[in-house]
Amino acid sequence: MKTILLVDDEYSIIELLAQLFEEEGYAVLIAANGQEGLDRAAETVPDLVITDQMMPLMNGAELFRALKKDPKLRRVPVILVTSTPLAASRDLAWAEFVPKPFNFDELLSVVRRVLGA
């Protein structure tokens, strides 16, 4: 079973996505900000991280950079889901961008592609 780490400060989004991904057969870890996401990933290395950009404590780009510095986590693909302009984060090697608002089926398709499923 593949594990997805969802990182977003909007609890309603995390709760909904967690339920939907679990129904699709994924194990799901959740975090409310980038720092919490980094801590969760260090505890249990996920197969994929899906993160928002705009969050308190550590934003999505800062989380991405921190993950890539950790030898255990540097190969974990990261999908950025955001409503913010992407130009500021284009210098990072994201696995994929998914603009908000999004359709769950579209996000699921991206997740399957990134995970090779």
PDB file of N, CA and C in Angstrom:
ATOM      1  N   MET A   1       0.848  -1.184   0.000  1.00  0.00           N
ATOM      2  CA  MET A   1       0.000   0.000   0.000  1.00  0.00           C
ATOM      3  C   MET A   1       0.890   1.244   0.000  1.00  0.00           C
ATOM      4  N   LYS A   2       0.627   2.136  -0.928  1.00  0.00           N
ATOM      5  CA  LYS A   2       1.381   3.386  -1.024  1.00  0.00           C
ATOM      6  C   LYS A   2       0.870   4.391   0.012  1.00  0.00           C
ATOM      7  N   THR A   3       1.797   5.184   0.533  1.00  0.00           N
ATOM      8  CA  THR A   3       1.459   6.188   1.540  1.00  0.00           C
ATOM      9  C   THR A   3       1.596   7.583   0.957  1.00  0.00           C
ATOM     10  N   ILE A   4       0.552   8.388   1.148  1.00  0.00           N
ATOM     11  CA  ILE A   4       0.539   9.777   0.697  1.00  0.00           C
ATOM     12  C   ILE A   4       0.509  10.680   1.918  1.00  0.00           C
ATOM     13  N   LEU A   5       1.389  11.659   1.944  1.00  0.00           N
ATOM     14  CA  LEU A   5       1.389  12.690   2.983  1.00  0.00           C
ATOM     15  C   LEU A   5       0.716  13.931   2.411  1.00  0.00           C
ATOM     16  N   LEU A   6      -0.392  14.341   3.034  1.00  0.00           N
ATOM     17  CA  LEU A   6      -1.135  15.543   2.623  1.00  0.00           C
ATOM     18  C   LEU A   6      -0.763  16.687   3.556  1.00  0.00           C
ATOM     19  N   VAL A   7      -0.332  17.812   3.001  1.00  0.00           N
ATOM     20  CA  VAL A   7       0.082  18.958   3.805  1.00  0.00           C
ATOM     21  C   VAL A   7      -0.691  20.187   3.348  1.00  0.00           C
ATOM     22  N   ASP A   8      -1.566  20.679   4.231  1.00  0.00           N
ATOM     23  CA  ASP A   8      -2.380  21.851   3.903  1.00  0.00           C
ATOM     24  C   ASP A   8      -2.936  22.408   5.200  1.00  0.00           C
ATOM     25  N   ASP A   9      -2.996  23.718   5.315  1.00  0.00           N
ATOM     26  CA  ASP A   9      -3.525  24.333   6.535  1.00  0.00           C
ATOM     27  C   ASP A   9      -5.045  24.455   6.517  1.00  0.00           C
ATOM     28  N   GLU A  10      -5.680  24.081   5.420  1.00  0.00           N
ATOM     29  CA  GLU A  10      -7.149  24.095   5.350  1.00  0.00           C
ATOM     30  C   GLU A  10      -7.651  22.701   5.721  1.00  0.00           C
ATOM     31  N   TYR A  11      -8.120  22.572   6.968  1.00  0.00           N
ATOM     32  CA  TYR A  11      -8.494  21.273   7.502  1.00  0.00           C
ATOM     33  C   TYR A  11      -9.576  20.594   6.672  1.00  0.00           C
ATOM     34  N   SER A  12     -10.527  21.340   6.166  1.00  0.00           N
ATOM     35  CA  SER A  12     -11.612  20.732   5.394  1.00  0.00           C
ATOM     36  C   SER A  12     -11.077  20.059   4.132  1.00  0.00           C
ATOM     37  N   ILE A  13     -10.075  20.644   3.499  1.00  0.00           N
ATOM     38  CA  ILE A  13      -9.473  20.049   2.304  1.00  0.00           C
ATOM     39  C   ILE A  13      -8.737  18.767   2.674  1.00  0.00           C
ATOM     40  N   ILE A  14      -7.941  18.828   3.730  1.00  0.00           N
ATOM     41  CA  ILE A  14      -7.179  17.651   4.179  1.00  0.00           C
ATOM     42  C   ILE A  14      -8.123  16.510   4.540  1.00  0.00           C
ATOM     43  N   GLU A  15      -9.167  16.826   5.284  1.00  0.00           N
ATOM     44  CA  GLU A  15     -10.113  15.803   5.725  1.00  0.00           C
ATOM     45  C   GLU A  15     -10.773  15.120   4.519  1.00  0.00           C
ATOM     46  N   LEU A  16     -11.224  15.897   3.555  1.00  0.00           N
ATOM     47  CA  LEU A  16     -11.868  15.356   2.371  1.00  0.00           C
ATOM     48  C   LEU A  16     -10.895  14.528   1.540  1.00  0.00           C
ATOM     49  N   LEU A  17      -9.720  15.066   1.266  1.00  0.00           N
ATOM     50  CA  LEU A  17      -8.741  14.341   0.459  1.00  0.00           C
ATOM     51  C   LEU A  17      -8.301  13.052   1.150  1.00  0.00           C
ATOM     52  N   ALA A  18      -8.105  13.106   2.462  1.00  0.00           N
ATOM     53  CA  ALA A  18      -7.694  11.903   3.195  1.00  0.00           C
ATOM     54  C   ALA A  18      -8.736  10.802   3.011  1.00  0.00           C
ATOM     55  N   GLN A  19      -9.994  11.148   3.161  1.00  0.00           N
ATOM     56  CA  GLN A  19     -11.067  10.163   3.009  1.00  0.00           C
ATOM     57  C   GLN A  19     -11.088   9.601   1.590  1.00  0.00           C
ATOM     58  N   LEU A  20     -10.995  10.475   0.605  1.00  0.00           N
ATOM     59  CA  LEU A  20     -11.049  10.027  -0.792  1.00  0.00           C
ATOM     60  C   LEU A  20      -9.863   9.145  -1.157  1.00  0.00           C
ATOM     61  N   PHE A  21      -8.656   9.521  -0.724  1.00  0.00           N
ATOM     62  CA  PHE A  21      -7.479   8.698  -1.028  1.00  0.00           C
ATOM     63  C   PHE A  21      -7.527   7.367  -0.290  1.00  0.00           C
ATOM     64  N   GLU A  22      -8.024   7.358   0.940  1.00  0.00           N
ATOM     65  CA  GLU A  22      -8.162   6.099   1.671  1.00  0.00           C
ATOM     66  C   GLU A  22      -9.143   5.172   0.961  1.00  0.00           C
ATOM     67  N   GLU A  23     -10.229   5.737   0.432  1.00  0.00           N
ATOM     68  CA  GLU A  23     -11.198   4.945  -0.330  1.00  0.00           C
ATOM     69  C   GLU A  23     -10.576   4.358  -1.595  1.00  0.00           C
ATOM     70  N   GLU A  24      -9.526   4.999  -2.111  1.00  0.00           N
ATOM     71  CA  GLU A  24      -8.818   4.511  -3.293  1.00  0.00           C
ATOM     72  C   GLU A  24      -7.719   3.506  -2.931  1.00  0.00           C
ATOM     73  N   GLY A  25      -7.559   3.233  -1.633  1.00  0.00           N
ATOM     74  CA  GLY A  25      -6.600   2.222  -1.204  1.00  0.00           C
ATOM     75  C   GLY A  25      -5.241   2.739  -0.767  1.00  0.00           C
ATOM     76  N   TYR A  26      -5.111   4.030  -0.575  1.00  0.00           N
ATOM     77  CA  TYR A  26      -3.848   4.609  -0.115  1.00  0.00           C
ATOM     78  C   TYR A  26      -3.860   4.776   1.401  1.00  0.00           C
ATOM     79  N   ALA A  27      -2.696   4.640   2.020  1.00  0.00           N
ATOM     80  CA  ALA A  27      -2.538   5.045   3.412  1.00  0.00           C
ATOM     81  C   ALA A  27      -2.286   6.551   3.378  1.00  0.00           C
ATOM     82  N   VAL A  28      -2.837   7.284   4.334  1.00  0.00           N
ATOM     83  CA  VAL A  28      -2.728   8.739   4.307  1.00  0.00           C
ATOM     84  C   VAL A  28      -2.196   9.265   5.633  1.00  0.00           C
ATOM     85  N   LEU A  29      -1.208  10.130   5.536  1.00  0.00           N
ATOM     86  CA  LEU A  29      -0.701  10.896   6.678  1.00  0.00           C
ATOM     87  C   LEU A  29      -1.118  12.341   6.428  1.00  0.00           C
ATOM     88  N   ILE A  30      -1.376  13.096   7.493  1.00  0.00           N
ATOM     89  CA  ILE A  30      -1.778  14.493   7.305  1.00  0.00           C
ATOM     90  C   ILE A  30      -0.926  15.420   8.158  1.00  0.00           C
ATOM     91  N   ALA A  31      -0.805  16.648   7.683  1.00  0.00           N
ATOM     92  CA  ALA A  31      -0.074  17.688   8.400  1.00  0.00           C
ATOM     93  C   ALA A  31      -0.698  19.033   8.059  1.00  0.00           C
ATOM     94  N   ALA A  32      -0.705  19.939   9.046  1.00  0.00           N
ATOM     95  CA  ALA A  32      -1.364  21.234   8.891  1.00  0.00           C
ATOM     96  C   ALA A  32      -0.439  22.335   8.379  1.00  0.00           C
ATOM     97  N   ASN A  33       0.857  22.072   8.293  1.00  0.00           N
ATOM     98  CA  ASN A  33       1.801  23.057   7.768  1.00  0.00           C
ATOM     99  C   ASN A  33       3.074  22.330   7.338  1.00  0.00           C
ATOM    100  N   GLY A  34       3.964  23.062   6.697  1.00  0.00           N
ATOM    101  CA  GLY A  34       5.177  22.455   6.178  1.00  0.00           C
ATOM    102  C   GLY A  34       6.069  21.843   7.237  1.00  0.00           C
ATOM    103  N   GLN A  35       6.209  22.505   8.383  1.00  0.00           N
ATOM    104  CA  GLN A  35       7.058  21.962   9.437  1.00  0.00           C
ATOM    105  C   GLN A  35       6.497  20.642   9.962  1.00  0.00           C
ATOM    106  N   GLU A  36       5.190  20.623  10.174  1.00  0.00           N
ATOM    107  CA  GLU A  36       4.543  19.385  10.625  1.00  0.00           C
ATOM    108  C   GLU A  36       4.679  18.301   9.554  1.00  0.00           C
ATOM    109  N   GLY A  37       4.578  18.685   8.300  1.00  0.00           N
ATOM    110  CA  GLY A  37       4.750  17.742   7.201  1.00  0.00           C
ATOM    111  C   GLY A  37       6.138  17.146   7.182  1.00  0.00           C
ATOM    112  N   LEU A  38       7.136  17.980   7.393  1.00  0.00           N
ATOM    113  CA  LEU A  38       8.521  17.504   7.435  1.00  0.00           C
ATOM    114  C   LEU A  38       8.711  16.522   8.588  1.00  0.00           C
ATOM    115  N   ASP A  39       8.137  16.842   9.738  1.00  0.00           N
ATOM    116  CA  ASP A  39       8.222  15.951  10.905  1.00  0.00           C
ATOM    117  C   ASP A  39       7.552  14.616  10.613  1.00  0.00           C
ATOM    118  N   ARG A  40       6.370  14.641  10.004  1.00  0.00           N
ATOM    119  CA  ARG A  40       5.641  13.402   9.682  1.00  0.00           C
ATOM    120  C   ARG A  40       6.444  12.548   8.687  1.00  0.00           C
ATOM    121  N   ALA A  41       7.012  13.209   7.683  1.00  0.00           N
ATOM    122  CA  ALA A  41       7.796  12.492   6.671  1.00  0.00           C
ATOM    123  C   ALA A  41       9.033  11.854   7.292  1.00  0.00           C
ATOM    124  N   ALA A  42       9.635  12.519   8.263  1.00  0.00           N
ATOM    125  CA  ALA A  42      10.811  11.963   8.934  1.00  0.00           C
ATOM    126  C   ALA A  42      10.438  10.733   9.764  1.00  0.00           C
ATOM    127  N   GLU A  43       9.225  10.732  10.333  1.00  0.00           N
ATOM    128  CA  GLU A  43       8.745   9.593  11.128  1.00  0.00           C
ATOM    129  C   GLU A  43       8.404   8.398  10.242  1.00  0.00           C
ATOM    130  N   THR A  44       7.688   8.655   9.154  1.00  0.00           N
ATOM    131  CA  THR A  44       7.246   7.619   8.225  1.00  0.00           C
ATOM    132  C   THR A  44       7.467   8.143   6.820  1.00  0.00           C
ATOM    133  N   VAL A  45       8.434   7.591   6.113  1.00  0.00           N
ATOM    134  CA  VAL A  45       8.743   8.084   4.774  1.00  0.00           C
ATOM    135  C   VAL A  45       7.574   7.755   3.835  1.00  0.00           C
ATOM    136  N   PRO A  46       6.938   8.789   3.282  1.00  0.00           N
ATOM    137  CA  PRO A  46       5.803   8.555   2.377  1.00  0.00           C
ATOM    138  C   PRO A  46       6.292   8.221   0.969  1.00  0.00           C
ATOM    139  N   ASP A  47       5.387   7.691   0.168  1.00  0.00           N
ATOM    140  CA  ASP A  47       5.690   7.451  -1.245  1.00  0.00           C
ATOM    141  C   ASP A  47       5.479   8.708  -2.075  1.00  0.00           C
ATOM    142  N   LEU A  48       4.671   9.637  -1.521  1.00  0.00           N
ATOM    143  CA  LEU A  48       4.323  10.867  -2.227  1.00  0.00           C
ATOM    144  C   LEU A  48       3.911  11.922  -1.220  1.00  0.00           C
ATOM    145  N   VAL A  49       4.286  13.173  -1.488  1.00  0.00           N
ATOM    146  CA  VAL A  49       3.822  14.310  -0.688  1.00  0.00           C
ATOM    147  C   VAL A  49       2.977  15.188  -1.606  1.00  0.00           C
ATOM    148  N   ILE A  50       1.804  15.572  -1.118  1.00  0.00           N
ATOM    149  CA  ILE A  50       0.961  16.551  -1.811  1.00  0.00           C
ATOM    150  C   ILE A  50       0.854  17.740  -0.868  1.00  0.00           C
ATOM    151  N   THR A  51       1.326  18.900  -1.320  1.00  0.00           N
ATOM    152  CA  THR A  51       1.359  20.062  -0.440  1.00  0.00           C
ATOM    153  C   THR A  51       0.752  21.298  -1.081  1.00  0.00           C
ATOM    154  N   ASP A  52       0.212  22.145  -0.223  1.00  0.00           N
ATOM    155  CA  ASP A  52      -0.230  23.476  -0.606  1.00  0.00           C
ATOM    156  C   ASP A  52       1.006  24.373  -0.584  1.00  0.00           C
ATOM    157  N   GLN A  53       0.919  25.540  -1.166  1.00  0.00           N
ATOM    158  CA  GLN A  53       2.027  26.498  -1.122  1.00  0.00           C
ATOM    159  C   GLN A  53       1.907  27.433   0.082  1.00  0.00           C
ATOM    160  N   MET A  54       0.748  28.067   0.236  1.00  0.00           N
ATOM    161  CA  MET A  54       0.567  29.089   1.267  1.00  0.00           C
ATOM    162  C   MET A  54       0.135  28.451   2.588  1.00  0.00           C
ATOM    163  N   MET A  55       1.094  28.371   3.552  1.00  0.00           N
ATOM    164  CA  MET A  55       0.823  27.795   4.871  1.00  0.00           C
ATOM    165  C   MET A  55       1.665  28.524   5.902  1.00  0.00           C
ATOM    166  N   PRO A  56       1.243  28.499   7.155  1.00  0.00           N
ATOM    167  CA  PRO A  56       2.052  29.106   8.220  1.00  0.00           C
ATOM    168  C   PRO A  56       3.274  28.238   8.543  1.00  0.00           C
ATOM    169  N   LEU A  57       4.233  28.821   9.201  1.00  0.00           N
ATOM    170  CA  LEU A  57       5.467  28.183   9.682  1.00  0.00           C
ATOM    171  C   LEU A  57       6.433  27.797   8.577  1.00  0.00           C
ATOM    172  N   MET A  58       5.981  27.058   7.588  1.00  0.00           N
ATOM    173  CA  MET A  58       6.834  26.652   6.473  1.00  0.00           C
ATOM    174  C   MET A  58       5.925  26.437   5.269  1.00  0.00           C
ATOM    175  N   ASN A  59       6.165  27.188   4.195  1.00  0.00           N
ATOM    176  CA  ASN A  59       5.300  27.046   3.020  1.00  0.00           C
ATOM    177  C   ASN A  59       5.703  25.828   2.185  1.00  0.00           C
ATOM    178  N   GLY A  60       4.968  25.591   1.116  1.00  0.00           N
ATOM    179  CA  GLY A  60       5.217  24.418   0.292  1.00  0.00           C
ATOM    180  C   GLY A  60       6.603  24.379  -0.317  1.00  0.00           C
ATOM    181  N   ALA A  61       7.095  25.511  -0.808  1.00  0.00           N
ATOM    182  CA  ALA A  61       8.430  25.553  -1.405  1.00  0.00           C
ATOM    183  C   ALA A  61       9.509  25.291  -0.349  1.00  0.00           C
ATOM    184  N   GLU A  62       9.324  25.832   0.843  1.00  0.00           N
ATOM    185  CA  GLU A  62      10.288  25.582   1.924  1.00  0.00           C
ATOM    186  C   GLU A  62      10.258  24.111   2.336  1.00  0.00           C
ATOM    187  N   LEU A  63       9.073  23.522   2.369  1.00  0.00           N
ATOM    188  CA  LEU A  63       8.954  22.099   2.659  1.00  0.00           C
ATOM    189  C   LEU A  63       9.682  21.285   1.591  1.00  0.00           C
ATOM    190  N   PHE A  64       9.455  21.620   0.336  1.00  0.00           N
ATOM    191  CA  PHE A  64      10.117  20.919  -0.771  1.00  0.00           C
ATOM    192  C   PHE A  64      11.639  20.948  -0.586  1.00  0.00           C
ATOM    193  N   ARG A  65      12.177  22.128  -0.328  1.00  0.00           N
ATOM    194  CA  ARG A  65      13.632  22.257  -0.162  1.00  0.00           C
ATOM    195  C   ARG A  65      14.137  21.433   1.024  1.00  0.00           C
ATOM    196  N   ALA A  66      13.386  21.442   2.125  1.00  0.00           N
ATOM    197  CA  ALA A  66      13.786  20.677   3.314  1.00  0.00           C
ATOM    198  C   ALA A  66      13.745  19.177   3.037  1.00  0.00           C
ATOM    199  N   LEU A  67      12.738  18.718   2.322  1.00  0.00           N
ATOM    200  CA  LEU A  67      12.656  17.296   1.975  1.00  0.00           C
ATOM    201  C   LEU A  67      13.854  16.882   1.124  1.00  0.00           C
ATOM    202  N   LYS A  68      14.222  17.712   0.177  1.00  0.00           N
ATOM    203  CA  LYS A  68      15.313  17.373  -0.745  1.00  0.00           C
ATOM    204  C   LYS A  68      16.681  17.405  -0.065  1.00  0.00           C
ATOM    205  N   LYS A  69      16.797  18.052   1.093  1.00  0.00           N
ATOM    206  CA  LYS A  69      18.062  18.074   1.844  1.00  0.00           C
ATOM    207  C   LYS A  69      18.262  16.808   2.672  1.00  0.00           C
ATOM    208  N   ASP A  70      17.179  16.089   2.944  1.00  0.00           N
ATOM    209  CA  ASP A  70      17.242  14.897   3.782  1.00  0.00           C
ATOM    210  C   ASP A  70      17.491  13.671   2.902  1.00  0.00           C
ATOM    211  N   PRO A  71      18.600  12.951   3.110  1.00  0.00           N
ATOM    212  CA  PRO A  71      18.904  11.783   2.270  1.00  0.00           C
ATOM    213  C   PRO A  71      17.785  10.740   2.242  1.00  0.00           C
ATOM    214  N   LYS A  72      17.043  10.601   3.331  1.00  0.00           N
ATOM    215  CA  LYS A  72      15.940   9.638   3.404  1.00  0.00           C
ATOM    216  C   LYS A  72      14.746  10.071   2.574  1.00  0.00           C
ATOM    217  N   LEU A  73      14.592  11.374   2.381  1.00  0.00           N
ATOM    218  CA  LEU A  73      13.371  11.917   1.781  1.00  0.00           C
ATOM    219  C   LEU A  73      13.582  12.529   0.401  1.00  0.00           C
ATOM    220  N   ARG A  74      14.807  12.666  -0.039  1.00  0.00           N
ATOM    221  CA  ARG A  74      15.069  13.435  -1.270  1.00  0.00           C
ATOM    222  C   ARG A  74      14.463  12.833  -2.525  1.00  0.00           C
ATOM    223  N   ARG A  75      14.187  11.530  -2.513  1.00  0.00           N
ATOM    224  CA  ARG A  75      13.597  10.907  -3.710  1.00  0.00           C
ATOM    225  C   ARG A  75      12.071  10.859  -3.682  1.00  0.00           C
ATOM    226  N   VAL A  76      11.469  11.356  -2.613  1.00  0.00           N
ATOM    227  CA  VAL A  76      10.008  11.354  -2.511  1.00  0.00           C
ATOM    228  C   VAL A  76       9.453  12.430  -3.447  1.00  0.00           C
ATOM    229  N   PRO A  77       8.593  12.045  -4.395  1.00  0.00           N
ATOM    230  CA  PRO A  77       8.016  13.054  -5.290  1.00  0.00           C
ATOM    231  C   PRO A  77       7.063  13.974  -4.527  1.00  0.00           C
ATOM    232  N   VAL A  78       7.013  15.236  -4.965  1.00  0.00           N
ATOM    233  CA  VAL A  78       6.168  16.235  -4.311  1.00  0.00           C
ATOM    234  C   VAL A  78       5.285  16.904  -5.368  1.00  0.00           C
ATOM    235  N   ILE A  79       3.982  16.855  -5.117  1.00  0.00           N
ATOM    236  CA  ILE A  79       3.000  17.528  -5.980  1.00  0.00           C
ATOM    237  C   ILE A  79       2.568  18.806  -5.272  1.00  0.00           C
ATOM    238  N   LEU A  80       2.619  19.917  -5.982  1.00  0.00           N
ATOM    239  CA  LEU A  80       2.163  21.194  -5.441  1.00  0.00           C
ATOM    240  C   LEU A  80       0.731  21.449  -5.909  1.00  0.00           C
ATOM    241  N   VAL A  81      -0.168  21.623  -4.935  1.00  0.00           N
ATOM    242  CA  VAL A  81      -1.569  21.960  -5.207  1.00  0.00           C
ATOM    243  C   VAL A  81      -1.765  23.368  -4.657  1.00  0.00           C
ATOM    244  N   THR A  82      -2.032  24.330  -5.536  1.00  0.00           N
ATOM    245  CA  THR A  82      -2.067  25.716  -5.073  1.00  0.00           C
ATOM    246  C   THR A  82      -2.920  26.612  -5.955  1.00  0.00           C
ATOM    247  N   SER A  83      -3.422  27.663  -5.349  1.00  0.00           N
ATOM    248  CA  SER A  83      -4.139  28.690  -6.107  1.00  0.00           C
ATOM    249  C   SER A  83      -3.248  29.907  -6.333  1.00  0.00           C
ATOM    250  N   THR A  84      -2.035  29.890  -5.792  1.00  0.00           N
ATOM    251  CA  THR A  84      -1.115  31.016  -5.947  1.00  0.00           C
ATOM    252  C   THR A  84      -0.386  30.924  -7.279  1.00  0.00           C
ATOM    253  N   PRO A  85       0.076  32.042  -7.786  1.00  0.00           N
ATOM    254  CA  PRO A  85       0.838  32.006  -9.039  1.00  0.00           C
ATOM    255  C   PRO A  85       2.047  31.081  -8.909  1.00  0.00           C
ATOM    256  N   LEU A  86       2.278  30.317  -9.931  1.00  0.00           N
ATOM    257  CA  LEU A  86       3.324  29.301  -9.870  1.00  0.00           C
ATOM    258  C   LEU A  86       4.722  29.827 -10.164  1.00  0.00           C
ATOM    259  N   ALA A  87       4.830  31.021 -10.682  1.00  0.00           N
ATOM    260  CA  ALA A  87       6.128  31.523 -11.122  1.00  0.00           C
ATOM    261  C   ALA A  87       7.183  31.466 -10.022  1.00  0.00           C
ATOM    262  N   ALA A  88       6.807  31.754  -8.794  1.00  0.00           N
ATOM    263  CA  ALA A  88       7.781  31.806  -7.706  1.00  0.00           C
ATOM    264  C   ALA A  88       8.350  30.430  -7.371  1.00  0.00           C
ATOM    265  N   SER A  89       7.650  29.371  -7.718  1.00  0.00           N
ATOM    266  CA  SER A  89       8.096  28.037  -7.357  1.00  0.00           C
ATOM    267  C   SER A  89       8.548  27.209  -8.558  1.00  0.00           C
ATOM    268  N   ARG A  90       8.597  27.794  -9.728  1.00  0.00           N
ATOM    269  CA  ARG A  90       8.957  27.053 -10.935  1.00  0.00           C
ATOM    270  C   ARG A  90      10.412  26.583 -10.933  1.00  0.00           C
ATOM    271  N   ASP A  91      11.250  27.178 -10.109  1.00  0.00           N
ATOM    272  CA  ASP A  91      12.649  26.779 -10.083  1.00  0.00           C
ATOM    273  C   ASP A  91      12.844  25.444  -9.363  1.00  0.00           C
ATOM    274  N   LEU A  92      11.802  24.932  -8.731  1.00  0.00           N
ATOM    275  CA  LEU A  92      11.892  23.669  -8.007  1.00  0.00           C
ATOM    276  C   LEU A  92      11.398  22.526  -8.896  1.00  0.00           C
ATOM    277  N   ALA A  93      11.968  21.352  -8.701  1.00  0.00           N
ATOM    278  CA  ALA A  93      11.641  20.193  -9.537  1.00  0.00           C
ATOM    279  C   ALA A  93      10.437  19.429  -8.977  1.00  0.00           C
ATOM    280  N   TRP A  94       9.283  20.100  -8.963  1.00  0.00           N
ATOM    281  CA  TRP A  94       8.049  19.464  -8.505  1.00  0.00           C
ATOM    282  C   TRP A  94       7.731  18.285  -9.405  1.00  0.00           C
ATOM    283  N   ALA A  95       7.115  17.246  -8.853  1.00  0.00           N
ATOM    284  CA  ALA A  95       6.668  16.120  -9.670  1.00  0.00           C
ATOM    285  C   ALA A  95       5.532  16.578 -10.580  1.00  0.00           C
ATOM    286  N   GLU A  96       4.703  17.500 -10.059  1.00  0.00           N
ATOM    287  CA  GLU A  96       3.556  17.999 -10.814  1.00  0.00           C
ATOM    288  C   GLU A  96       2.973  19.213 -10.107  1.00  0.00           C
ATOM    289  N   PHE A  97       2.273  20.063 -10.865  1.00  0.00           N
ATOM    290  CA  PHE A  97       1.483  21.180 -10.337  1.00  0.00           C
ATOM    291  C   PHE A  97       0.009  20.847 -10.556  1.00  0.00           C
ATOM    292  N   VAL A  98      -0.816  21.102  -9.561  1.00  0.00           N
ATOM    293  CA  VAL A  98      -2.262  20.964  -9.722  1.00  0.00           C
ATOM    294  C   VAL A  98      -2.885  22.264  -9.219  1.00  0.00           C
ATOM    295  N   PRO A  99      -3.514  23.030 -10.105  1.00  0.00           N
ATOM    296  CA  PRO A  99      -4.104  24.306  -9.679  1.00  0.00           C
ATOM    297  C   PRO A  99      -5.396  24.108  -8.898  1.00  0.00           C
ATOM    298  N   LYS A 100      -5.591  24.953  -7.878  1.00  0.00           N
ATOM    299  CA  LYS A 100      -6.863  25.005  -7.152  1.00  0.00           C
ATOM    300  C   LYS A 100      -7.762  25.998  -7.870  1.00  0.00           C
ATOM    301  N   PRO A 101      -9.040  25.775  -7.929  1.00  0.00           N
ATOM    302  CA  PRO A 101      -9.739  24.581  -7.460  1.00  0.00           C
ATOM    303  C   PRO A 101      -9.476  23.430  -8.420  1.00  0.00           C
ATOM    304  N   PHE A 102      -9.550  22.209  -7.912  1.00  0.00           N
ATOM    305  CA  PHE A 102      -9.278  21.038  -8.727  1.00  0.00           C
ATOM    306  C   PHE A 102     -10.402  20.026  -8.576  1.00  0.00           C
ATOM    307  N   ASN A 103     -10.452  19.127  -9.521  1.00  0.00           N
ATOM    308  CA  ASN A 103     -11.393  18.017  -9.515  1.00  0.00           C
ATOM    309  C   ASN A 103     -10.638  16.824  -8.928  1.00  0.00           C
ATOM    310  N   PHE A 104     -11.251  16.085  -7.992  1.00  0.00           N
ATOM    311  CA  PHE A 104     -10.543  14.972  -7.358  1.00  0.00           C
ATOM    312  C   PHE A 104     -10.090  13.936  -8.372  1.00  0.00           C
ATOM    313  N   ASP A 105     -10.907  13.654  -9.387  1.00  0.00           N
ATOM    314  CA  ASP A 105     -10.521  12.658 -10.387  1.00  0.00           C
ATOM    315  C   ASP A 105      -9.261  13.086 -11.130  1.00  0.00           C
ATOM    316  N   GLU A 106      -9.131  14.380 -11.393  1.00  0.00           N
ATOM    317  CA  GLU A 106      -7.918  14.895 -12.049  1.00  0.00           C
ATOM    318  C   GLU A 106      -6.711  14.729 -11.126  1.00  0.00           C
ATOM    319  N   LEU A 107      -6.889  15.066  -9.843  1.00  0.00           N
ATOM    320  CA  LEU A 107      -5.796  14.915  -8.876  1.00  0.00           C
ATOM    321  C   LEU A 107      -5.417  13.447  -8.747  1.00  0.00           C
ATOM    322  N   LEU A 108      -6.383  12.573  -8.669  1.00  0.00           N
ATOM    323  CA  LEU A 108      -6.127  11.140  -8.556  1.00  0.00           C
ATOM    324  C   LEU A 108      -5.357  10.636  -9.768  1.00  0.00           C
ATOM    325  N   SER A 109      -5.707  11.111 -10.944  1.00  0.00           N
ATOM    326  CA  SER A 109      -5.002  10.729 -12.164  1.00  0.00           C
ATOM    327  C   SER A 109      -3.534  11.163 -12.092  1.00  0.00           C
ATOM    328  N   VAL A 110      -3.288  12.379 -11.614  1.00  0.00           N
ATOM    329  CA  VAL A 110      -1.917  12.879 -11.453  1.00  0.00           C
ATOM    330  C   VAL A 110      -1.166  12.017 -10.435  1.00  0.00           C
ATOM    331  N   VAL A 111      -1.815  11.700  -9.319  1.00  0.00           N
ATOM    332  CA  VAL A 111      -1.184  10.882  -8.280  1.00  0.00           C
ATOM    333  C   VAL A 111      -0.794   9.517  -8.846  1.00  0.00           C
ATOM    334  N   ARG A 112      -1.709   8.888  -9.561  1.00  0.00           N
ATOM    335  CA  ARG A 112      -1.411   7.568 -10.152  1.00  0.00           C
ATOM    336  C   ARG A 112      -0.240   7.656 -11.118  1.00  0.00           C
ATOM    337  N   ARG A 113      -0.206   8.705 -11.915  1.00  0.00           N
ATOM    338  CA  ARG A 113       0.881   8.876 -12.876  1.00  0.00           C
ATOM    339  C   ARG A 113       2.217   9.064 -12.155  1.00  0.00           C
ATOM    340  N   VAL A 114       2.226   9.911 -11.135  1.00  0.00           N
ATOM    341  CA  VAL A 114       3.472  10.183 -10.410  1.00  0.00           C
ATOM    342  C   VAL A 114       3.963   8.925  -9.676  1.00  0.00           C
ATOM    343  N   LEU A 115       3.019   8.152  -9.138  1.00  0.00           N
ATOM    344  CA  LEU A 115       3.391   6.934  -8.410  1.00  0.00           C
ATOM    345  C   LEU A 115       3.624   5.735  -9.346  1.00  0.00           C
ATOM    346  N   GLY A 116       3.351   5.929 -10.625  1.00  0.00           N
ATOM    347  CA  GLY A 116       3.539   4.845 -11.574  1.00  0.00           C
ATOM    348  C   GLY A 116       2.513   3.742 -11.410  1.00  0.00           C
ATOM    349  N   ALA A 117       1.320   4.113 -10.932  1.00  0.00           N
ATOM    350  CA  ALA A 117       0.273   3.108 -10.696  1.00  0.00           C
ATOM    351  C   ALA A 117      -0.726   3.073 -11.827  1.00  0.00           C
TER     352      ALA A 117
END
